[in-house]
Amino acid sequence: MEIAAVTDRFCKLPGGGPALFFERPVDCRLPVVTNLYGSRKRVCMALGIEKLGELTSRMRDLLDPLPDTRVTTLDRQLASCAGFTRFFPHVSAECEPALACAKSSDLTAFPFLQCWPEDGSSTGHPRYMTVAQVHTTGPHGEAPNCGLYRVQVLGADECAIQWKAGSGAARHAEMWRLSGQPMPVAIALGGDPAMLFSAMFPLPGELDEVTFAGFLRGAPLTAAPCSTVPLRVPVGAELVVEGYVQPDDTVMEGPFGNHSGYYSPAAPASRMTVTAVRHRTDAVIPATVVGAPPMEDCWMSLAWERLLLAFIQKSVPLVHDIHFPFEWMFHQSAVISVSDTGPDAVRAIVAALWNLPWFAVSKIVVVVAADAEPLTLPHAAWLLINAAEMRSRIIRDPASPRVAIDATADPLPRRRLAIDSHIEARVRSRWNDYAVT
């Protein structure tokens, strides 16, 4: 909890604060790194880009040739197009030699964090692998999936994995249950940052995250076989935990402090029995702290925001831009600018957005005009309170609690304030002369 408390303080600094390296955690031989991607600059460094907008351009170039705009087919279309298949991972025939099996597979010997006082209190096991890349496949090796799921350490050779209903791992678990066989699982920590980001993103359908990580990286990753389970994980990880989940074998997991500022209640989760733990001799254990924003995951999600814009524009071309405020980010709630501000057009755009999986449970969407810059929550709130006529501009979904607010236009014939363009240019050119500090 001490590492988590220090990390939380630094995450709240302007711009996200620095990455933190804890050299000597108590009773642990391996060091810990936190807030590694907790700034815009470090997210760009991790993905090898200068600006996040490059992701939108690259994703748009990949999507534009696809003939079908339906999001339900995007995964299959992408999986078969040459611009994506060239990033299929290279496959190694042998286990990664840099990952040696630990002398003891005791998970409690590793510096996994307890982030908040009541984490895991339902079973008395408070520590979690917080950036766990969980790899699974179907019973015949089909539809490989890698997702970021909560992994609670239950003891030396057991952990609980909480995968949400509808997730790739949950679908695989049901397939293995029907087959009557235990499901192999591999948990990787660290490695190529593109793999972590890919596992974090809610990609459409069953799009392969390892291939998508290659797309983000601009070069295919290499995957090597595990030592005790029939799975492959990308090379470069700091630590890999292997094991099996038995069908219908569950254990209570949680509570767990999350981005809402509250604890997620304890709930049944799959129990994993560990068969091997492999790590580098000089491994650095990555960790993150989830809590009320701003936190590291907010900065990481900026990359998804830029990629999602290309996905949305493929299905809803009238969307000009999108912004997830940190305070709203994990509630599928956004400020969205549109190029057609007619009331009927805005309602049609909102309906189309609500039909996309990324806004299926959105609490609120604020729609502004394409020229509304900057696209931020404070500016959207200013437009909303000054320009939106609430009686006609609130759009409610009759089937759910979802709400959208049309703040695209002023219903009254008033002229907006604007600085004379010549004066603005002069001030900009002389800004340094004013000795502003």
Protein backbone atom coordinates (compact mmCIF):
# COMPACT_ATOMS: atom_id res chain seq x y z
CA MET A 1 0.00 0.00 0.00
CA GLU A 2 2.94 2.34 0.54
CA ILE A 3 4.04 2.02 -3.10
CA ALA A 4 0.43 2.56 -4.16
CA ALA A 5 0.07 5.66 -1.98
CA VAL A 6 3.28 7.20 -3.34
CA THR A 7 2.18 6.39 -6.91
CA ASP A 8 -1.26 7.94 -6.37
CA ARG A 9 0.30 11.21 -5.23
CA PHE A 10 2.58 11.43 -8.25
CA CYS A 11 -0.22 10.55 -10.68
CA LYS A 12 -2.14 13.60 -9.48
CA LEU A 13 0.66 16.01 -10.50
CA PRO A 14 0.13 18.24 -13.56
CA GLY A 15 0.84 16.34 -16.75
CA GLY A 16 0.75 12.98 -14.98
CA GLY A 17 3.97 13.10 -12.96
CA PRO A 18 7.11 11.01 -13.55
CA ALA A 19 7.47 7.27 -13.84
CA LEU A 20 8.56 5.73 -10.54
CA PHE A 21 11.17 3.03 -9.92
CA PHE A 22 11.08 1.33 -6.51
CA GLU A 23 14.43 -0.40 -6.16
CA ARG A 24 14.00 -2.32 -2.91
CA PRO A 25 10.43 -3.29 -1.99
CA VAL A 26 10.34 -4.80 1.48
CA ASP A 27 10.96 -8.59 1.52
CA CYS A 28 11.17 -8.75 -2.30
CA ARG A 29 14.26 -9.18 -4.43
CA LEU A 30 12.78 -7.68 -7.59
CA PRO A 31 12.07 -3.95 -8.10
CA VAL A 32 8.76 -2.39 -9.11
CA VAL A 33 7.98 0.30 -11.69
CA THR A 34 4.74 2.33 -11.63
CA ASN A 35 3.23 5.20 -13.63
CA LEU A 36 5.37 4.11 -16.56
CA TYR A 37 2.88 5.43 -19.14
CA GLY A 38 1.39 8.20 -17.02
CA SER A 39 1.91 11.14 -19.40
CA ARG A 40 1.12 12.05 -22.99
CA LYS A 41 4.83 12.11 -23.86
CA ARG A 42 5.52 8.65 -22.43
CA VAL A 43 2.50 7.15 -24.21
CA CYS A 44 3.92 8.48 -27.48
CA MET A 45 7.39 7.14 -26.60
CA ALA A 46 5.91 3.73 -25.79
CA LEU A 47 4.21 3.51 -29.18
CA GLY A 48 7.06 5.02 -31.17
CA ILE A 49 5.14 8.07 -32.39
CA GLU A 50 5.59 11.83 -32.19
CA LYS A 51 1.92 12.74 -31.71
CA LEU A 52 -1.13 10.72 -30.75
CA GLY A 53 -2.94 11.93 -33.87
CA GLU A 54 -0.67 9.65 -35.90
CA LEU A 55 -2.70 6.72 -34.56
CA THR A 56 -5.89 8.12 -36.10
CA SER A 57 -4.22 8.53 -39.49
CA ARG A 58 -2.75 5.02 -39.44
CA MET A 59 -6.02 3.45 -38.34
CA ARG A 60 -7.95 5.41 -40.97
CA ASP A 61 -5.56 4.23 -43.70
CA LEU A 62 -6.21 0.64 -42.59
CA LEU A 63 -10.00 1.02 -42.46
CA ASP A 64 -10.67 3.15 -45.54
CA PRO A 65 -10.36 0.34 -48.12
CA LEU A 66 -12.80 -1.91 -46.23
CA PRO A 67 -16.13 -2.10 -48.09
CA ASP A 68 -18.45 -2.74 -45.15
CA THR A 69 -19.06 -0.03 -42.54
CA ARG A 70 -20.83 -2.31 -40.05
CA VAL A 71 -18.87 -2.60 -36.84
CA THR A 72 -20.08 -6.21 -36.45
CA THR A 73 -17.90 -7.25 -39.39
CA LEU A 74 -14.85 -5.05 -38.79
CA ASP A 75 -12.87 -7.74 -36.99
CA ARG A 76 -13.30 -10.26 -39.82
CA GLN A 77 -12.60 -7.65 -42.49
CA LEU A 78 -9.43 -6.49 -40.75
CA ALA A 79 -8.28 -10.04 -40.05
CA SER A 80 -8.27 -10.79 -43.78
CA CYS A 81 -6.86 -7.56 -45.23
CA ALA A 82 -3.22 -7.42 -46.29
CA GLY A 83 -2.56 -4.22 -44.37
CA PHE A 84 -3.28 -6.11 -41.15
CA THR A 85 -2.15 -9.67 -41.85
CA ARG A 86 1.42 -8.52 -42.46
CA PHE A 87 1.59 -7.93 -38.71
CA PHE A 88 0.77 -11.54 -37.77
CA PRO A 89 3.27 -12.53 -35.05
CA HIS A 90 6.36 -14.52 -35.90
CA VAL A 91 6.31 -17.87 -34.11
CA SER A 92 9.30 -19.25 -32.26
CA ALA A 93 9.66 -23.01 -31.89
CA GLU A 94 11.25 -22.83 -28.44
CA CYS A 95 10.51 -21.19 -25.11
CA GLU A 96 12.11 -17.81 -24.58
CA PRO A 97 15.51 -18.62 -22.99
CA ALA A 98 15.64 -15.31 -21.07
CA LEU A 99 12.64 -16.46 -19.00
CA ALA A 100 13.98 -19.03 -16.56
CA CYS A 101 11.63 -21.02 -14.34
CA ALA A 102 11.66 -19.64 -10.83
CA LYS A 103 13.17 -21.85 -8.13
CA SER A 104 9.87 -21.49 -6.36
CA SER A 105 6.52 -20.79 -8.00
CA ASP A 106 5.38 -18.95 -4.86
CA LEU A 107 3.42 -15.95 -6.16
CA THR A 108 3.54 -14.32 -2.72
CA ALA A 109 7.30 -13.85 -3.12
CA PHE A 110 6.80 -11.29 -5.89
CA PRO A 111 6.13 -7.59 -5.20
CA PHE A 112 2.52 -7.44 -6.34
CA LEU A 113 0.70 -4.47 -4.81
CA GLN A 114 -2.18 -3.97 -2.48
CA CYS A 115 -3.57 -0.65 -3.71
CA TRP A 116 -6.44 0.17 -1.34
CA PRO A 117 -7.19 -0.90 2.26
CA GLU A 118 -10.21 -3.11 1.48
CA ASP A 119 -8.88 -4.75 -1.70
CA GLY A 120 -9.48 -8.51 -1.56
CA SER A 121 -11.01 -8.33 1.90
CA SER A 122 -13.70 -10.90 1.09
CA THR A 123 -11.08 -13.65 1.24
CA GLY A 124 -8.22 -11.91 3.03
CA HIS A 125 -5.93 -11.81 -0.02
CA PRO A 126 -5.27 -8.13 -0.78
CA ARG A 127 -2.57 -8.25 -3.48
CA TYR A 128 -3.14 -8.03 -7.24
CA MET A 129 -1.25 -8.27 -10.50
CA THR A 130 -2.49 -4.94 -11.81
CA VAL A 131 -1.28 -4.91 -15.44
CA ALA A 132 -1.74 -8.59 -16.15
CA GLN A 133 -1.90 -9.48 -19.85
CA VAL A 134 -4.02 -12.65 -19.78
CA HIS A 135 -3.63 -14.91 -22.83
CA THR A 136 -6.25 -17.55 -23.72
CA THR A 137 -7.56 -19.39 -26.78
CA GLY A 138 -10.46 -21.67 -27.67
CA PRO A 139 -10.10 -25.47 -27.21
CA HIS A 140 -8.59 -25.86 -30.68
CA GLY A 141 -6.27 -22.88 -30.44
CA GLU A 142 -8.75 -20.65 -32.24
CA ALA A 143 -9.44 -16.93 -31.71
CA PRO A 144 -6.44 -16.09 -29.48
CA ASN A 145 -7.24 -13.37 -26.98
CA CYS A 146 -5.22 -11.17 -24.68
CA GLY A 147 -7.00 -8.88 -22.23
CA LEU A 148 -6.23 -6.91 -19.09
CA TYR A 149 -8.15 -8.60 -16.30
CA ARG A 150 -7.95 -8.33 -12.54
CA VAL A 151 -5.72 -11.06 -11.11
CA GLN A 152 -5.88 -11.53 -7.34
CA VAL A 153 -3.08 -13.51 -5.70
CA LEU A 154 -4.70 -16.16 -3.50
CA GLY A 155 -1.57 -17.92 -2.33
CA ALA A 156 1.64 -19.56 -3.47
CA ASP A 157 0.15 -21.32 -6.50
CA GLU A 158 -3.37 -19.93 -6.92
CA CYS A 159 -4.93 -16.75 -8.21
CA ALA A 160 -8.39 -15.49 -9.11
CA ILE A 161 -9.06 -13.96 -12.53
CA GLN A 162 -12.06 -11.68 -12.98
CA TRP A 163 -13.04 -11.56 -16.65
CA LYS A 164 -16.20 -9.71 -17.56
CA ALA A 165 -19.12 -11.42 -19.24
CA GLY A 166 -18.79 -11.02 -23.00
CA SER A 167 -15.01 -10.61 -22.94
CA GLY A 168 -12.78 -12.81 -25.08
CA ALA A 169 -11.53 -14.78 -22.09
CA ALA A 170 -15.09 -15.31 -20.82
CA ARG A 171 -16.11 -16.69 -24.22
CA HIS A 172 -13.13 -19.04 -24.15
CA ALA A 173 -13.93 -20.16 -20.61
CA GLU A 174 -17.44 -21.16 -21.70
CA MET A 175 -16.05 -23.07 -24.69
CA TRP A 176 -13.63 -24.99 -22.44
CA ARG A 177 -16.41 -25.65 -19.93
CA LEU A 178 -18.56 -27.22 -22.64
CA SER A 179 -15.60 -29.33 -23.73
CA GLY A 180 -15.15 -30.59 -20.17
CA GLN A 181 -11.45 -29.73 -20.16
CA PRO A 182 -9.43 -27.29 -18.05
CA MET A 183 -8.56 -24.03 -19.84
CA PRO A 184 -4.87 -23.13 -20.20
CA VAL A 185 -3.99 -19.57 -19.21
CA ALA A 186 -0.78 -17.56 -19.46
CA ILE A 187 -0.33 -14.24 -17.64
CA ALA A 188 2.44 -11.94 -18.88
CA LEU A 189 3.73 -8.83 -17.15
CA GLY A 190 5.86 -6.32 -19.00
CA GLY A 191 7.22 -6.73 -22.50
CA ASP A 192 6.60 -4.60 -25.56
CA PRO A 193 4.38 -1.64 -24.54
CA ALA A 194 2.35 -2.09 -27.74
CA MET A 195 1.15 -5.44 -26.38
CA LEU A 196 -0.03 -3.88 -23.13
CA PHE A 197 -1.90 -1.14 -24.99
CA SER A 198 -3.44 -3.65 -27.39
CA ALA A 199 -4.64 -5.81 -24.49
CA MET A 200 -6.16 -2.74 -22.84
CA PHE A 201 -8.11 -1.52 -25.90
CA PRO A 202 -11.71 -2.73 -26.46
CA LEU A 203 -11.02 -3.88 -30.01
CA PRO A 204 -13.96 -4.88 -32.22
CA GLY A 205 -15.10 -8.51 -32.15
CA GLU A 206 -12.40 -11.15 -31.93
CA LEU A 207 -9.57 -9.13 -33.47
CA ASP A 208 -6.26 -10.70 -32.43
CA GLU A 209 -4.52 -8.43 -29.91
CA VAL A 210 -1.02 -9.76 -30.66
CA THR A 211 -1.42 -8.91 -34.35
CA PHE A 212 -2.89 -5.53 -33.44
CA ALA A 213 0.13 -4.90 -31.21
CA GLY A 214 2.28 -5.52 -34.28
CA PHE A 215 0.20 -2.93 -36.14
CA LEU A 216 0.77 -0.43 -33.32
CA ARG A 217 4.48 -1.21 -33.27
CA GLY A 218 4.79 -1.15 -37.07
CA ALA A 219 6.45 -4.59 -37.06
CA PRO A 220 5.27 -8.10 -36.11
CA LEU A 221 5.93 -9.30 -32.58
CA THR A 222 7.49 -12.70 -31.94
CA ALA A 223 5.56 -15.23 -29.85
CA ALA A 224 7.23 -18.12 -28.02
CA PRO A 225 5.62 -21.23 -26.47
CA CYS A 226 5.02 -21.53 -22.74
CA SER A 227 6.70 -24.29 -20.76
CA THR A 228 3.68 -26.05 -19.19
CA VAL A 229 0.58 -24.90 -21.12
CA PRO A 230 -0.19 -25.04 -24.88
CA LEU A 231 -0.09 -21.27 -25.38
CA ARG A 232 2.29 -18.72 -26.84
CA VAL A 233 3.11 -15.28 -25.40
CA PRO A 234 5.09 -12.45 -27.00
CA VAL A 235 8.77 -12.47 -26.14
CA GLY A 236 10.17 -9.75 -23.93
CA ALA A 237 7.95 -10.16 -20.87
CA GLU A 238 9.47 -9.65 -17.44
CA LEU A 239 7.42 -12.44 -15.86
CA VAL A 240 5.04 -15.14 -17.13
CA VAL A 241 2.67 -17.14 -14.92
CA GLU A 242 1.26 -20.33 -16.45
CA GLY A 243 -1.58 -22.51 -15.29
CA TYR A 244 -5.08 -23.90 -15.77
CA VAL A 245 -8.61 -22.84 -14.92
CA GLN A 246 -10.95 -25.72 -14.14
CA PRO A 247 -14.52 -25.47 -15.50
CA ASP A 248 -16.96 -24.12 -12.91
CA ASP A 249 -14.22 -23.73 -10.27
CA THR A 250 -14.79 -20.25 -8.85
CA VAL A 251 -13.71 -18.27 -5.83
CA MET A 252 -14.76 -14.90 -4.45
CA GLU A 253 -12.60 -12.04 -5.73
CA GLY A 254 -12.60 -8.47 -4.42
CA PRO A 255 -13.65 -5.94 -3.36
CA PHE A 256 -11.34 -3.89 -5.59
CA GLY A 257 -10.89 -0.12 -5.66
CA ASN A 258 -11.56 1.14 -9.17
CA HIS A 259 -11.70 4.29 -11.31
CA SER A 260 -15.08 5.35 -9.92
CA GLY A 261 -13.50 6.18 -6.57
CA TYR A 262 -15.44 3.31 -4.96
CA TYR A 263 -14.86 -0.39 -4.45
CA SER A 264 -16.22 -2.87 -6.94
CA PRO A 265 -18.05 -5.46 -4.80
CA ALA A 266 -16.69 -8.95 -4.34
CA ALA A 267 -17.92 -11.41 -6.96
CA PRO A 268 -17.21 -14.96 -8.14
CA ALA A 269 -14.11 -15.29 -10.33
CA SER A 270 -12.28 -18.14 -12.02
CA ARG A 271 -9.67 -19.91 -9.91
CA MET A 272 -6.34 -20.51 -11.66
CA THR A 273 -3.91 -23.19 -10.48
CA VAL A 274 -0.33 -22.21 -11.30
CA THR A 275 1.90 -24.75 -13.05
CA ALA A 276 4.98 -22.56 -13.65
CA VAL A 277 6.36 -19.10 -13.01
CA ARG A 278 9.11 -17.86 -15.31
CA HIS A 279 10.90 -14.54 -15.10
CA ARG A 280 14.06 -12.73 -16.08
CA THR A 281 16.88 -12.79 -13.57
CA ASP A 282 16.86 -8.98 -13.59
CA ALA A 283 13.09 -8.63 -13.92
CA VAL A 284 11.33 -5.37 -13.10
CA ILE A 285 7.72 -5.92 -12.03
CA PRO A 286 5.31 -3.39 -13.59
CA ALA A 287 2.29 -2.25 -11.60
CA THR A 288 -0.37 0.42 -11.76
CA VAL A 289 -2.86 1.93 -9.33
CA VAL A 290 -6.51 2.23 -10.33
CA GLY A 291 -8.52 4.96 -8.67
CA ALA A 292 -10.21 8.32 -9.07
CA PRO A 293 -8.70 10.22 -12.01
CA PRO A 294 -6.24 11.40 -13.03
CA MET A 295 -4.34 8.10 -12.98
CA GLU A 296 -1.94 6.34 -15.32
CA ASP A 297 -4.71 4.50 -17.19
CA CYS A 298 -6.27 7.84 -18.19
CA TRP A 299 -3.16 8.78 -20.14
CA MET A 300 -2.96 5.34 -21.71
CA SER A 301 -6.57 5.65 -22.86
CA LEU A 302 -5.69 8.74 -24.88
CA ALA A 303 -4.17 6.35 -27.43
CA TRP A 304 -7.46 4.45 -27.64
CA GLU A 305 -9.35 7.73 -28.04
CA ARG A 306 -7.34 8.53 -31.19
CA LEU A 307 -7.79 5.01 -32.60
CA LEU A 308 -11.49 4.97 -31.74
CA LEU A 309 -12.03 8.16 -33.72
CA ALA A 310 -11.08 6.29 -36.92
CA PHE A 311 -13.39 3.37 -36.00
CA ILE A 312 -16.29 5.74 -35.31
CA GLN A 313 -15.81 7.75 -38.48
CA LYS A 314 -15.93 4.53 -40.49
CA SER A 315 -19.45 3.90 -39.17
CA VAL A 316 -20.63 7.47 -38.48
CA PRO A 317 -18.87 9.78 -40.98
CA LEU A 318 -20.48 12.97 -39.60
CA VAL A 319 -18.43 12.65 -36.40
CA HIS A 320 -15.58 15.16 -36.61
CA ASP A 321 -13.70 14.50 -33.37
CA ILE A 322 -14.06 12.87 -29.97
CA HIS A 323 -12.76 13.63 -26.50
CA PHE A 324 -12.97 11.44 -23.40
CA PRO A 325 -12.57 13.69 -20.34
CA PHE A 326 -10.52 11.91 -17.68
CA GLU A 327 -13.50 12.22 -15.33
CA TRP A 328 -15.78 10.41 -17.82
CA MET A 329 -13.35 8.14 -19.63
CA PHE A 330 -14.27 4.78 -18.14
CA HIS A 331 -18.01 5.36 -18.38
CA GLN A 332 -18.09 5.43 -22.20
CA SER A 333 -19.01 9.11 -21.91
CA ALA A 334 -17.56 11.71 -24.25
CA VAL A 335 -17.65 15.13 -25.84
CA ILE A 336 -18.18 14.62 -29.57
CA SER A 337 -18.01 17.24 -32.29
CA VAL A 338 -20.06 16.79 -35.47
CA SER A 339 -20.06 18.42 -38.89
CA ASP A 340 -23.87 18.54 -39.26
CA THR A 341 -25.55 20.46 -36.44
CA GLY A 342 -29.17 20.18 -37.54
CA PRO A 343 -31.31 18.83 -34.66
CA ASP A 344 -32.45 15.83 -36.68
CA ALA A 345 -28.88 15.10 -37.77
CA VAL A 346 -27.60 15.27 -34.20
CA ARG A 347 -30.29 12.86 -33.02
CA ALA A 348 -29.42 10.45 -35.84
CA ILE A 349 -25.72 10.66 -34.96
CA VAL A 350 -26.42 9.97 -31.28
CA ALA A 351 -28.60 6.97 -32.18
CA ALA A 352 -25.84 5.61 -34.41
CA LEU A 353 -23.25 6.07 -31.64
CA TRP A 354 -25.45 4.25 -29.12
CA ASN A 355 -25.56 1.31 -31.53
CA LEU A 356 -21.77 1.00 -31.42
CA PRO A 357 -20.29 -1.29 -28.73
CA TRP A 358 -18.11 1.52 -27.38
CA PHE A 359 -21.16 3.57 -26.36
CA ALA A 360 -23.51 0.74 -25.43
CA VAL A 361 -23.61 1.76 -21.75
CA SER A 362 -22.60 5.40 -22.13
CA LYS A 363 -23.97 7.55 -19.33
CA ILE A 364 -23.78 10.86 -21.16
CA VAL A 365 -22.66 12.26 -24.50
CA VAL A 366 -22.33 15.99 -25.15
CA VAL A 367 -22.49 16.91 -28.83
CA VAL A 368 -20.85 20.13 -30.01
CA ALA A 369 -20.23 21.69 -33.43
CA ALA A 370 -17.08 20.79 -35.37
CA ASP A 371 -15.70 24.31 -34.89
CA ALA A 372 -15.97 24.08 -31.09
CA GLU A 373 -12.33 24.29 -30.09
CA PRO A 374 -10.77 23.30 -27.83
CA LEU A 375 -12.64 20.03 -27.47
CA THR A 376 -12.47 19.85 -23.67
CA LEU A 377 -14.90 19.24 -20.85
CA PRO A 378 -14.72 22.85 -19.53
CA HIS A 379 -15.41 24.28 -22.99
CA ALA A 380 -18.20 21.77 -23.62
CA ALA A 381 -19.74 22.67 -20.25
CA TRP A 382 -19.54 26.37 -21.16
CA LEU A 383 -21.27 25.74 -24.49
CA LEU A 384 -23.86 23.54 -22.83
CA ILE A 385 -24.87 26.06 -20.19
CA ASN A 386 -24.86 29.02 -22.61
CA ALA A 387 -26.11 27.57 -25.89
CA ALA A 388 -28.22 24.48 -25.21
CA GLU A 389 -31.97 24.97 -24.87
CA MET A 390 -32.60 22.11 -22.48
CA ARG A 391 -36.26 21.44 -23.27
CA SER A 392 -35.49 20.44 -26.85
CA ARG A 393 -31.79 19.60 -26.73
CA ILE A 394 -31.75 16.72 -24.27
CA ILE A 395 -31.90 13.37 -26.06
CA ARG A 396 -32.97 10.41 -23.95
CA ASP A 397 -32.77 6.74 -24.79
CA PRO A 398 -36.17 5.31 -23.80
CA ALA A 399 -34.69 1.84 -23.31
CA SER A 400 -31.84 2.78 -20.94
CA PRO A 401 -30.53 5.58 -18.68
CA ARG A 402 -28.37 6.93 -21.53
CA VAL A 403 -28.57 10.68 -22.18
CA ALA A 404 -27.11 12.97 -24.83
CA ILE A 405 -27.11 16.76 -24.85
CA ASP A 406 -27.07 18.71 -28.09
CA ALA A 407 -24.87 21.75 -27.44
CA THR A 408 -24.10 22.41 -31.10
CA ALA A 409 -25.96 25.69 -31.63
CA ASP A 410 -27.28 28.78 -29.92
CA PRO A 411 -31.07 28.91 -30.38
CA LEU A 412 -31.01 32.71 -30.14
CA PRO A 413 -29.70 35.02 -32.92
CA ARG A 414 -26.69 36.29 -30.99
CA ARG A 415 -23.18 37.06 -32.20
CA ARG A 416 -20.30 35.28 -30.53
CA LEU A 417 -17.40 37.16 -29.00
CA ALA A 418 -14.22 36.96 -31.05
CA ILE A 419 -10.95 38.88 -30.96
CA ASP A 420 -10.14 40.72 -34.17
CA SER A 421 -7.97 38.38 -36.26
CA HIS A 422 -5.35 41.06 -36.99
CA ILE A 423 -4.98 41.88 -33.31
CA GLU A 424 -4.82 38.18 -32.43
CA ALA A 425 -2.00 37.65 -34.94
CA ARG A 426 -0.10 40.67 -33.59
CA VAL A 427 -0.42 39.50 -29.99
CA ARG A 428 0.75 36.02 -30.95
CA SER A 429 3.81 37.40 -32.74
CA ARG A 430 4.75 39.66 -29.81
CA TRP A 431 3.93 37.26 -26.96
CA ASN A 432 7.53 36.96 -25.80
CA ASP A 433 7.86 40.75 -25.75
CA TYR A 434 5.28 40.96 -22.98
CA ALA A 435 7.64 39.02 -20.66
CA VAL A 436 4.85 36.72 -19.58
CA THR A 437 6.00 34.37 -16.81
